[in-house]
PDB file of all heavy atoms in Angstrom:
ATOM      1  N   THR A   1      19.616  16.497  23.104  1.00  0.00           N
ATOM      2  CA  THR A   1      20.006  16.803  21.939  1.00  0.00           C
ATOM      3  C   THR A   1      19.768  15.656  20.916  1.00  0.00           C
ATOM      4  O   THR A   1      19.291  15.875  19.775  1.00  0.00           O
ATOM      5  CB  THR A   1      21.542  17.239  21.942  1.00  0.00           C
ATOM      6  OG1 THR A   1      21.665  18.298  22.773  1.00  0.00           O
ATOM      7  CG2 THR A   1      21.986  17.674  20.455  1.00  0.00           C
ATOM      8  N   LYS A   2      20.219  14.435  21.198  1.00  0.00           N
ATOM      9  CA  LYS A   2      20.153  13.336  20.450  1.00  0.00           C
ATOM     10  C   LYS A   2      18.655  12.978  20.003  1.00  0.00           C
ATOM     11  O   LYS A   2      18.353  12.663  18.876  1.00  0.00           O
ATOM     12  CB  LYS A   2      20.784  12.152  21.078  1.00  0.00           C
ATOM     13  CG  LYS A   2      20.647  10.782  20.332  1.00  0.00           C
ATOM     14  CD  LYS A   2      21.321   9.657  20.948  1.00  0.00           C
ATOM     15  CE  LYS A   2      21.229   8.370  20.258  1.00  0.00           C
ATOM     16  NZ  LYS A   2      19.844   7.847  20.139  1.00  0.00           N
ATOM     17  N   SER A   3      17.835  13.135  21.066  1.00  0.00           N
ATOM     18  CA  SER A   3      16.430  12.735  20.778  1.00  0.00           C
ATOM     19  C   SER A   3      15.742  13.850  19.874  1.00  0.00           C
ATOM     20  O   SER A   3      14.851  13.483  19.114  1.00  0.00           O
ATOM     21  CB  SER A   3      15.646  12.653  22.156  1.00  0.00           C
ATOM     22  OG  SER A   3      15.579  13.956  22.840  1.00  0.00           O
ATOM     23  N   ILE A   4      16.137  15.158  20.033  1.00  0.00           N
ATOM     24  CA  ILE A   4      15.606  16.031  19.236  1.00  0.00           C
ATOM     25  C   ILE A   4      16.030  15.876  17.712  1.00  0.00           C
ATOM     26  O   ILE A   4      15.195  15.866  16.788  1.00  0.00           O
ATOM     27  CB  ILE A   4      15.982  17.418  19.608  1.00  0.00           C
ATOM     28  CG1 ILE A   4      15.270  17.828  20.904  1.00  0.00           C
ATOM     29  CG2 ILE A   4      15.576  18.492  18.474  1.00  0.00           C
ATOM     30  CD1 ILE A   4      15.688  19.192  21.505  1.00  0.00           C
ATOM     31  N   ILE A   5      17.338  15.593  17.559  1.00  0.00           N
ATOM     32  CA  ILE A   5      17.768  15.245  16.223  1.00  0.00           C
ATOM     33  C   ILE A   5      17.055  13.976  15.679  1.00  0.00           C
ATOM     34  O   ILE A   5      16.637  13.936  14.479  1.00  0.00           O
ATOM     35  CB  ILE A   5      19.294  15.020  16.169  1.00  0.00           C
ATOM     36  CG1 ILE A   5      20.063  16.299  16.568  1.00  0.00           C
ATOM     37  CG2 ILE A   5      19.794  14.380  14.914  1.00  0.00           C
ATOM     38  CD1 ILE A   5      21.560  16.098  16.722  1.00  0.00           C
ATOM     39  N   PHE A   6      16.861  12.974  16.383  1.00  0.00           N
ATOM     40  CA  PHE A   6      16.184  11.764  16.064  1.00  0.00           C
ATOM     41  C   PHE A   6      14.703  12.112  15.498  1.00  0.00           C
ATOM     42  O   PHE A   6      14.328  11.693  14.535  1.00  0.00           O
ATOM     43  CB  PHE A   6      16.120  10.749  17.287  1.00  0.00           C
ATOM     44  CG  PHE A   6      15.228   9.488  16.953  1.00  0.00           C
ATOM     45  CD1 PHE A   6      15.880   8.467  16.079  1.00  0.00           C
ATOM     46  CD2 PHE A   6      13.913   9.368  17.272  1.00  0.00           C
ATOM     47  CE1 PHE A   6      15.011   7.342  15.812  1.00  0.00           C
ATOM     48  CE2 PHE A   6      13.259   8.299  17.083  1.00  0.00           C
ATOM     49  CZ  PHE A   6      13.727   7.228  16.401  1.00  0.00           C
ATOM     50  N   ALA A   7      13.934  12.860  16.389  1.00  0.00           N
ATOM     51  CA  ALA A   7      12.652  13.144  16.090  1.00  0.00           C
ATOM     52  C   ALA A   7      12.476  14.034  14.854  1.00  0.00           C
ATOM     53  O   ALA A   7      11.609  13.874  14.034  1.00  0.00           O
ATOM     54  CB  ALA A   7      11.929  13.915  17.236  1.00  0.00           C
ATOM     55  N   ALA A   8      13.559  15.015  14.660  1.00  0.00           N
ATOM     56  CA  ALA A   8      13.499  15.812  13.501  1.00  0.00           C
ATOM     57  C   ALA A   8      13.768  15.133  12.168  1.00  0.00           C
ATOM     58  O   ALA A   8      13.430  15.682  11.200  1.00  0.00           O
ATOM     59  CB  ALA A   8      14.517  16.947  13.795  1.00  0.00           C
ATOM     60  N   THR A   9      14.296  13.889  12.224  1.00  0.00           N
ATOM     61  CA  THR A   9      14.589  13.192  11.003  1.00  0.00           C
ATOM     62  C   THR A   9      13.532  12.154  10.739  1.00  0.00           C
ATOM     63  O   THR A   9      13.692  11.279   9.741  1.00  0.00           O
ATOM     64  CB  THR A   9      15.896  12.483  11.149  1.00  0.00           C
ATOM     65  OG1 THR A   9      16.002  11.668  12.279  1.00  0.00           O
ATOM     66  CG2 THR A   9      17.036  13.538  11.241  1.00  0.00           C
ATOM     67  N   GLN A  10      12.471  12.149  11.503  1.00  0.00           N
ATOM     68  CA  GLN A  10      11.309  11.186  11.295  1.00  0.00           C
ATOM     69  C   GLN A  10      10.353  11.773  10.262  1.00  0.00           C
ATOM     70  O   GLN A  10       9.690  12.694  10.509  1.00  0.00           O
ATOM     71  CB  GLN A  10      10.600  10.872  12.595  1.00  0.00           C
ATOM     72  CG  GLN A  10      11.578  10.209  13.566  1.00  0.00           C
ATOM     73  CD  GLN A  10      12.289   9.014  13.053  1.00  0.00           C
ATOM     74  OE1 GLN A  10      11.629   8.024  12.664  1.00  0.00           O
ATOM     75  NE2 GLN A  10      13.555   9.019  13.133  1.00  0.00           N
ATOM     76  N   GLU A  11      10.229  11.085   9.216  1.00  0.00           N
ATOM     77  CA  GLU A  11       9.347  11.532   8.107  1.00  0.00           C
ATOM     78  C   GLU A  11       7.841  11.689   8.443  1.00  0.00           C
ATOM     79  O   GLU A  11       7.068  12.461   7.955  1.00  0.00           O
ATOM     80  CB  GLU A  11       9.604  10.828   6.719  1.00  0.00           C
ATOM     81  CG  GLU A  11       9.075   9.361   6.879  1.00  0.00           C
ATOM     82  CD  GLU A  11       9.298   8.591   5.606  1.00  0.00           C
ATOM     83  OE1 GLU A  11      10.070   9.086   4.700  1.00  0.00           O
ATOM     84  OE2 GLU A  11       8.648   7.425   5.516  1.00  0.00           O
ATOM     85  N   THR A  12       7.484  10.756   9.540  1.00  0.00           N
ATOM     86  CA  THR A  12       6.114  10.732   9.907  1.00  0.00           C
ATOM     87  C   THR A  12       5.656  11.950  10.453  1.00  0.00           C
ATOM     88  O   THR A  12       4.421  12.217  10.217  1.00  0.00           O
ATOM     89  CB  THR A  12       5.987   9.495  10.932  1.00  0.00           C
ATOM     90  OG1 THR A  12       6.413   8.351  10.361  1.00  0.00           O
ATOM     91  CG2 THR A  12       4.556   9.322  11.230  1.00  0.00           C
ATOM     92  N   VAL A  13       6.531  12.636  11.079  1.00  0.00           N
ATOM     93  CA  VAL A  13       6.103  13.976  11.692  1.00  0.00           C
ATOM     94  C   VAL A  13       5.526  14.943  10.641  1.00  0.00           C
ATOM     95  O   VAL A  13       4.652  15.536  10.704  1.00  0.00           O
ATOM     96  CB  VAL A  13       7.365  14.598  12.527  1.00  0.00           C
ATOM     97  CG1 VAL A  13       6.960  15.957  13.095  1.00  0.00           C
ATOM     98  CG2 VAL A  13       7.775  13.642  13.657  1.00  0.00           C
ATOM     99  N   TYR A  14       6.421  14.928   9.620  1.00  0.00           N
ATOM    100  CA  TYR A  14       6.146  15.961   8.455  1.00  0.00           C
ATOM    101  C   TYR A  14       5.001  15.415   7.741  1.00  0.00           C
ATOM    102  O   TYR A  14       4.093  16.185   7.163  1.00  0.00           O
ATOM    103  CB  TYR A  14       7.398  16.144   7.715  1.00  0.00           C
ATOM    104  CG  TYR A  14       8.635  16.549   8.469  1.00  0.00           C
ATOM    105  CD1 TYR A  14       9.524  15.764   8.824  1.00  0.00           C
ATOM    106  CD2 TYR A  14       8.689  17.934   8.940  1.00  0.00           C
ATOM    107  CE1 TYR A  14      10.543  16.214   9.631  1.00  0.00           C
ATOM    108  CE2 TYR A  14       9.674  18.274   9.712  1.00  0.00           C
ATOM    109  CZ  TYR A  14      10.676  17.515  10.047  1.00  0.00           C
ATOM    110  OH  TYR A  14      11.757  17.928  10.838  1.00  0.00           O
ATOM    111  N   ALA A  15       4.960  14.066   7.486  1.00  0.00           N
ATOM    112  CA  ALA A  15       3.786  13.486   6.864  1.00  0.00           C
ATOM    113  C   ALA A  15       2.445  13.828   7.417  1.00  0.00           C
ATOM    114  O   ALA A  15       1.505  14.099   6.887  1.00  0.00           O
ATOM    115  CB  ALA A  15       3.962  12.025   6.591  1.00  0.00           C
ATOM    116  N   ALA A  16       2.396  13.730   8.711  1.00  0.00           N
ATOM    117  CA  ALA A  16       1.069  13.956   9.526  1.00  0.00           C
ATOM    118  C   ALA A  16       0.680  15.390   9.338  1.00  0.00           C
ATOM    119  O   ALA A  16      -0.557  15.694   9.124  1.00  0.00           O
ATOM    120  CB  ALA A  16       1.332  13.607  10.965  1.00  0.00           C
ATOM    121  N   LEU A  17       1.674  16.329   9.269  1.00  0.00           N
ATOM    122  CA  LEU A  17       1.283  17.639   9.087  1.00  0.00           C
ATOM    123  C   LEU A  17       0.816  17.942   7.711  1.00  0.00           C
ATOM    124  O   LEU A  17      -0.073  18.695   7.371  1.00  0.00           O
ATOM    125  CB  LEU A  17       2.497  18.664   9.361  1.00  0.00           C
ATOM    126  CG  LEU A  17       3.052  18.610  10.766  1.00  0.00           C
ATOM    127  CD1 LEU A  17       4.317  19.486  10.863  1.00  0.00           C
ATOM    128  CD2 LEU A  17       2.079  19.151  11.813  1.00  0.00           C
ATOM    129  N   ALA A  18       1.466  17.210   6.759  1.00  0.00           N
ATOM    130  CA  ALA A  18       0.884  17.327   5.280  1.00  0.00           C
ATOM    131  C   ALA A  18      -0.426  16.763   5.195  1.00  0.00           C
ATOM    132  O   ALA A  18      -1.198  17.334   4.337  1.00  0.00           O
ATOM    133  CB  ALA A  18       1.915  16.471   4.439  1.00  0.00           C
ATOM    134  N   PHE A  19      -0.840  15.819   5.892  1.00  0.00           N
ATOM    135  CA  PHE A  19      -2.176  15.283   5.910  1.00  0.00           C
ATOM    136  C   PHE A  19      -3.225  16.315   6.370  1.00  0.00           C
ATOM    137  O   PHE A  19      -4.340  16.368   5.980  1.00  0.00           O
ATOM    138  CB  PHE A  19      -2.302  13.887   6.637  1.00  0.00           C
ATOM    139  CG  PHE A  19      -1.866  12.780   5.783  1.00  0.00           C
ATOM    140  CD1 PHE A  19      -0.707  12.191   5.848  1.00  0.00           C
ATOM    141  CD2 PHE A  19      -2.931  12.265   4.750  1.00  0.00           C
ATOM    142  CE1 PHE A  19      -0.344  11.105   5.006  1.00  0.00           C
ATOM    143  CE2 PHE A  19      -2.427  11.266   3.948  1.00  0.00           C
ATOM    144  CZ  PHE A  19      -1.282  10.680   4.010  1.00  0.00           C
ATOM    145  N   VAL A  20      -2.781  17.113   7.508  1.00  0.00           N
ATOM    146  CA  VAL A  20      -3.669  18.071   8.047  1.00  0.00           C
ATOM    147  C   VAL A  20      -3.926  19.083   6.886  1.00  0.00           C
ATOM    148  O   VAL A  20      -5.066  19.597   6.647  1.00  0.00           O
ATOM    149  CB  VAL A  20      -3.053  18.790   9.289  1.00  0.00           C
ATOM    150  CG1 VAL A  20      -3.815  19.947   9.563  1.00  0.00           C
ATOM    151  CG2 VAL A  20      -2.901  17.701  10.347  1.00  0.00           C
ATOM    152  N   PHE A  21      -2.986  19.599   6.128  1.00  0.00           N
ATOM    153  CA  PHE A  21      -3.152  20.549   5.102  1.00  0.00           C
ATOM    154  C   PHE A  21      -3.952  19.852   3.986  1.00  0.00           C
ATOM    155  O   PHE A  21      -4.752  20.576   3.386  1.00  0.00           O
ATOM    156  CB  PHE A  21      -1.754  21.041   4.567  1.00  0.00           C
ATOM    157  CG  PHE A  21      -1.811  21.995   3.493  1.00  0.00           C
ATOM    158  CD1 PHE A  21      -2.177  23.256   3.919  1.00  0.00           C
ATOM    159  CD2 PHE A  21      -1.474  21.740   2.190  1.00  0.00           C
ATOM    160  CE1 PHE A  21      -2.209  24.234   2.884  1.00  0.00           C
ATOM    161  CE2 PHE A  21      -1.668  22.760   1.227  1.00  0.00           C
ATOM    162  CZ  PHE A  21      -1.948  23.968   1.541  1.00  0.00           C
ATOM    163  N   MET A  22      -3.673  18.696   3.591  1.00  0.00           N
ATOM    164  CA  MET A  22      -4.409  18.020   2.640  1.00  0.00           C
ATOM    165  C   MET A  22      -5.903  17.931   2.884  1.00  0.00           C
ATOM    166  O   MET A  22      -6.717  18.410   1.999  1.00  0.00           O
ATOM    167  CB  MET A  22      -3.960  16.496   2.351  1.00  0.00           C
ATOM    168  CG  MET A  22      -4.707  15.673   1.363  1.00  0.00           C
ATOM    169  SD  MET A  22      -4.451  13.924   1.643  1.00  0.00           S
ATOM    170  CE  MET A  22      -5.804  13.837   2.983  1.00  0.00           C
ATOM    171  N   ALA A  23      -6.265  17.582   3.956  1.00  0.00           N
ATOM    172  CA  ALA A  23      -7.650  17.567   4.312  1.00  0.00           C
ATOM    173  C   ALA A  23      -8.238  18.982   4.462  1.00  0.00           C
ATOM    174  O   ALA A  23      -9.452  19.113   3.951  1.00  0.00           O
ATOM    175  CB  ALA A  23      -7.813  17.094   5.841  1.00  0.00           C
ATOM    176  N   PHE A  24      -7.619  19.941   4.858  1.00  0.00           N
ATOM    177  CA  PHE A  24      -8.001  21.378   4.702  1.00  0.00           C
ATOM    178  C   PHE A  24      -8.224  21.767   3.360  1.00  0.00           C
ATOM    179  O   PHE A  24      -9.434  22.402   2.938  1.00  0.00           O
ATOM    180  CB  PHE A  24      -6.932  22.165   5.379  1.00  0.00           C
ATOM    181  CG  PHE A  24      -7.223  23.642   5.353  1.00  0.00           C
ATOM    182  CD1 PHE A  24      -8.152  24.353   6.204  1.00  0.00           C
ATOM    183  CD2 PHE A  24      -6.688  24.522   4.394  1.00  0.00           C
ATOM    184  CE1 PHE A  24      -8.534  25.670   6.099  1.00  0.00           C
ATOM    185  CE2 PHE A  24      -6.985  25.833   4.305  1.00  0.00           C
ATOM    186  CZ  PHE A  24      -7.781  26.435   5.240  1.00  0.00           C
ATOM    187  N   VAL A  25      -7.420  21.433   2.354  1.00  0.00           N
ATOM    188  CA  VAL A  25      -7.524  21.932   1.086  1.00  0.00           C
ATOM    189  C   VAL A  25      -8.718  21.212   0.337  1.00  0.00           C
ATOM    190  O   VAL A  25      -9.473  21.791  -0.361  1.00  0.00           O
ATOM    191  CB  VAL A  25      -6.242  21.571   0.262  1.00  0.00           C
ATOM    192  CG1 VAL A  25      -6.403  21.947  -1.219  1.00  0.00           C
ATOM    193  CG2 VAL A  25      -5.103  22.503   0.724  1.00  0.00           C
ATOM    194  N   MET A  26      -8.829  19.875   0.674  1.00  0.00           N
ATOM    195  CA  MET A  26      -9.949  19.076   0.080  1.00  0.00           C
ATOM    196  C   MET A  26     -11.294  19.554   0.533  1.00  0.00           C
ATOM    197  O   MET A  26     -12.234  19.628  -0.280  1.00  0.00           O
ATOM    198  CB  MET A  26      -9.782  17.742   0.441  1.00  0.00           C
ATOM    199  CG  MET A  26      -8.580  16.846  -0.183  1.00  0.00           C
ATOM    200  SD  MET A  26      -8.387  15.137   0.494  1.00  0.00           S
ATOM    201  CE  MET A  26     -10.012  14.380   0.016  1.00  0.00           C
ATOM    202  N   THR A  27     -11.359  20.016   1.673  1.00  0.00           N
ATOM    203  CA  THR A  27     -12.629  20.698   2.260  1.00  0.00           C
ATOM    204  C   THR A  27     -12.875  21.978   1.506  1.00  0.00           C
ATOM    205  O   THR A  27     -14.070  22.305   1.106  1.00  0.00           O
ATOM    206  CB  THR A  27     -12.550  20.717   3.739  1.00  0.00           C
ATOM    207  OG1 THR A  27     -12.252  19.445   4.402  1.00  0.00           O
ATOM    208  CG2 THR A  27     -13.949  21.256   4.314  1.00  0.00           C
ATOM    209  N   LYS A  28     -11.947  22.747   1.585  1.00  0.00           N
ATOM    210  CA  LYS A  28     -12.065  24.200   1.085  1.00  0.00           C
ATOM    211  C   LYS A  28     -12.398  24.349  -0.406  1.00  0.00           C
ATOM    212  O   LYS A  28     -13.148  25.143  -0.856  1.00  0.00           O
ATOM    213  CB  LYS A  28     -10.765  25.034   1.384  1.00  0.00           C
ATOM    214  CG  LYS A  28     -10.612  25.404   2.887  1.00  0.00           C
ATOM    215  CD  LYS A  28     -11.649  26.343   3.282  1.00  0.00           C
ATOM    216  CE  LYS A  28     -11.442  26.838   4.689  1.00  0.00           C
ATOM    217  NZ  LYS A  28     -12.505  27.738   5.138  1.00  0.00           N
ATOM    218  N   THR A  29     -11.855  23.237  -1.163  1.00  0.00           N
ATOM    219  CA  THR A  29     -12.118  23.304  -2.642  1.00  0.00           C
ATOM    220  C   THR A  29     -13.442  22.580  -2.968  1.00  0.00           C
ATOM    221  O   THR A  29     -14.007  22.615  -4.108  1.00  0.00           O
ATOM    222  CB  THR A  29     -11.126  22.725  -3.385  1.00  0.00           C
ATOM    223  OG1 THR A  29     -10.795  21.379  -2.851  1.00  0.00           O
ATOM    224  CG2 THR A  29      -9.759  23.399  -3.211  1.00  0.00           C
ATOM    225  N   GLY A  30     -14.079  22.035  -1.985  1.00  0.00           N
ATOM    226  CA  GLY A  30     -15.336  21.214  -2.168  1.00  0.00           C
ATOM    227  C   GLY A  30     -15.214  19.907  -2.807  1.00  0.00           C
ATOM    228  O   GLY A  30     -16.094  19.281  -3.106  1.00  0.00           O
ATOM    229  N   LEU A  31     -13.909  19.451  -2.892  1.00  0.00           N
ATOM    230  CA  LEU A  31     -13.603  18.091  -3.508  1.00  0.00           C
ATOM    231  C   LEU A  31     -14.235  17.121  -2.614  1.00  0.00           C
ATOM    232  O   LEU A  31     -14.697  15.969  -3.373  1.00  0.00           O
ATOM    233  CB  LEU A  31     -12.126  17.987  -3.683  1.00  0.00           C
ATOM    234  CG  LEU A  31     -11.656  16.551  -4.280  1.00  0.00           C
ATOM    235  CD1 LEU A  31     -10.382  16.796  -5.129  1.00  0.00           C
ATOM    236  CD2 LEU A  31     -11.274  15.552  -3.344  1.00  0.00           C
ATOM    237  N   VAL A  32     -14.198  17.116  -1.420  1.00  0.00           N
ATOM    238  CA  VAL A  32     -14.739  16.109  -0.476  1.00  0.00           C
ATOM    239  C   VAL A  32     -16.256  15.945  -0.907  1.00  0.00           C
ATOM    240  O   VAL A  32     -16.696  14.741  -1.012  1.00  0.00           O
ATOM    241  CB  VAL A  32     -14.616  16.600   0.972  1.00  0.00           C
ATOM    242  CG1 VAL A  32     -15.509  15.718   1.849  1.00  0.00           C
ATOM    243  CG2 VAL A  32     -13.175  16.400   1.335  1.00  0.00           C
ATOM    244  N   ASN A  33     -16.917  16.924  -0.888  1.00  0.00           N
ATOM    245  CA  ASN A  33     -18.351  16.855  -1.263  1.00  0.00           C
ATOM    246  C   ASN A  33     -18.702  16.109  -2.583  1.00  0.00           C
ATOM    247  O   ASN A  33     -19.623  15.279  -2.695  1.00  0.00           O
ATOM    248  CB  ASN A  33     -19.116  18.225  -1.356  1.00  0.00           C
ATOM    249  CG  ASN A  33     -19.063  18.867   0.131  1.00  0.00           C
ATOM    250  OD1 ASN A  33     -19.064  18.128   1.116  1.00  0.00           O
ATOM    251  ND2 ASN A  33     -19.172  20.137   0.205  1.00  0.00           N
ATOM    252  N   ARG A  34     -17.900  16.535  -3.693  1.00  0.00           N
ATOM    253  CA  ARG A  34     -18.162  15.878  -4.936  1.00  0.00           C
ATOM    254  C   ARG A  34     -17.832  14.363  -4.869  1.00  0.00           C
ATOM    255  O   ARG A  34     -18.465  13.629  -5.478  1.00  0.00           O
ATOM    256  CB  ARG A  34     -17.382  16.735  -5.852  1.00  0.00           C
ATOM    257  CG  ARG A  34     -17.803  18.108  -6.188  1.00  0.00           C
ATOM    258  CD  ARG A  34     -17.123  18.809  -7.426  1.00  0.00           C
ATOM    259  NE  ARG A  34     -15.693  19.165  -7.098  1.00  0.00           N
ATOM    260  CZ  ARG A  34     -15.316  20.184  -6.394  1.00  0.00           C
ATOM    261  NH1 ARG A  34     -16.274  20.930  -5.759  1.00  0.00           N
ATOM    262  NH2 ARG A  34     -14.079  20.388  -5.997  1.00  0.00           N
ATOM    263  N   MET A  35     -16.660  14.061  -4.249  1.00  0.00           N
ATOM    264  CA  MET A  35     -16.300  12.709  -4.241  1.00  0.00           C
ATOM    265  C   MET A  35     -17.356  11.808  -3.376  1.00  0.00           C
ATOM    266  O   MET A  35     -17.675  10.722  -3.726  1.00  0.00           O
ATOM    267  CB  MET A  35     -14.943  12.485  -3.596  1.00  0.00           C
ATOM    268  CG  MET A  35     -14.420  11.045  -3.401  1.00  0.00           C
ATOM    269  SD  MET A  35     -12.917  11.070  -2.433  1.00  0.00           S
ATOM    270  CE  MET A  35     -13.437  11.543  -0.742  1.00  0.00           C
ATOM    271  N   VAL A  36     -17.756  12.370  -2.279  1.00  0.00           N
ATOM    272  CA  VAL A  36     -18.713  11.756  -1.432  1.00  0.00           C
ATOM    273  C   VAL A  36     -20.018  11.509  -2.048  1.00  0.00           C
ATOM    274  O   VAL A  36     -20.658  10.438  -1.917  1.00  0.00           O
ATOM    275  CB  VAL A  36     -18.869  12.483  -0.055  1.00  0.00           C
ATOM    276  CG1 VAL A  36     -20.066  11.882   0.762  1.00  0.00           C
ATOM    277  CG2 VAL A  36     -17.625  12.353   0.770  1.00  0.00           C
ATOM    278  N   ASP A  37     -20.317  12.435  -2.951  1.00  0.00           N
ATOM    279  CA  ASP A  37     -21.718  12.204  -3.712  1.00  0.00           C
ATOM    280  C   ASP A  37     -21.538  10.954  -4.543  1.00  0.00           C
ATOM    281  O   ASP A  37     -22.565  10.225  -4.695  1.00  0.00           O
ATOM    282  CB  ASP A  37     -21.847  13.469  -4.532  1.00  0.00           C
ATOM    283  CG  ASP A  37     -22.616  14.579  -3.698  1.00  0.00           C
ATOM    284  OD1 ASP A  37     -23.004  14.402  -2.557  1.00  0.00           O
ATOM    285  OD2 ASP A  37     -22.530  15.859  -4.251  1.00  0.00           O
ATOM    286  N   ILE A  38     -20.400  10.789  -5.189  1.00  0.00           N
ATOM    287  CA  ILE A  38     -20.222   9.613  -6.050  1.00  0.00           C
ATOM    288  C   ILE A  38     -20.211   8.358  -5.215  1.00  0.00           C
ATOM    289  O   ILE A  38     -20.967   7.300  -5.578  1.00  0.00           O
ATOM    290  CB  ILE A  38     -18.954   9.767  -6.862  1.00  0.00           C
ATOM    291  CG1 ILE A  38     -19.056  10.907  -7.805  1.00  0.00           C
ATOM    292  CG2 ILE A  38     -18.688   8.506  -7.589  1.00  0.00           C
ATOM    293  CD1 ILE A  38     -17.750  11.255  -8.428  1.00  0.00           C
ATOM    294  N   LEU A  39     -19.645   8.296  -4.069  1.00  0.00           N
ATOM    295  CA  LEU A  39     -19.475   7.077  -3.242  1.00  0.00           C
ATOM    296  C   LEU A  39     -20.769   6.791  -2.712  1.00  0.00           C
ATOM    297  O   LEU A  39     -21.214   5.728  -2.596  1.00  0.00           O
ATOM    298  CB  LEU A  39     -18.454   7.331  -2.149  1.00  0.00           C
ATOM    299  CG  LEU A  39     -16.875   7.510  -2.621  1.00  0.00           C
ATOM    300  CD1 LEU A  39     -16.006   7.945  -1.484  1.00  0.00           C
ATOM    301  CD2 LEU A  39     -16.506   6.189  -3.320  1.00  0.00           C
ATOM    302  N   ASN A  40     -21.558   7.861  -2.376  1.00  0.00           N
ATOM    303  CA  ASN A  40     -22.999   7.470  -1.745  1.00  0.00           C
ATOM    304  C   ASN A  40     -23.905   7.119  -2.740  1.00  0.00           C
ATOM    305  O   ASN A  40     -24.897   6.351  -2.485  1.00  0.00           O
ATOM    306  CB  ASN A  40     -23.447   8.836  -1.015  1.00  0.00           C
ATOM    307  CG  ASN A  40     -22.846   9.008   0.288  1.00  0.00           C
ATOM    308  OD1 ASN A  40     -22.523   8.126   0.897  1.00  0.00           O
ATOM    309  ND2 ASN A  40     -22.839  10.339   0.742  1.00  0.00           N
ATOM    310  N   SER A  41     -23.788   7.486  -4.063  1.00  0.00           N
ATOM    311  CA  SER A  41     -24.535   6.850  -5.151  1.00  0.00           C
ATOM    312  C   SER A  41     -24.448   5.408  -5.239  1.00  0.00           C
ATOM    313  O   SER A  41     -25.411   4.705  -5.766  1.00  0.00           O
ATOM    314  CB  SER A  41     -24.217   7.622  -6.506  1.00  0.00           C
ATOM    315  OG  SER A  41     -24.483   8.990  -6.319  1.00  0.00           O
ATOM    316  N   THR A  42     -23.248   4.820  -4.761  1.00  0.00           N
ATOM    317  CA  THR A  42     -23.058   3.421  -4.975  1.00  0.00           C
ATOM    318  C   THR A  42     -23.395   2.748  -3.611  1.00  0.00           C
ATOM    319  O   THR A  42     -24.051   1.572  -3.786  1.00  0.00           O
ATOM    320  CB  THR A  42     -21.558   3.139  -5.316  1.00  0.00           C
ATOM    321  OG1 THR A  42     -20.778   3.699  -4.295  1.00  0.00           O
ATOM    322  CG2 THR A  42     -21.225   3.760  -6.636  1.00  0.00           C
TER     323      THR A  42
END
């Protein structure tokens, strides 16, 4: 019980899931391709 409460209060768990969603959205909207084109130009 104590360890579950401890894990449930760790912001890193939720942040990691948010990054999964972020990468998904960046890919689906094509933002990644447009940003990478600029970086590769340099």
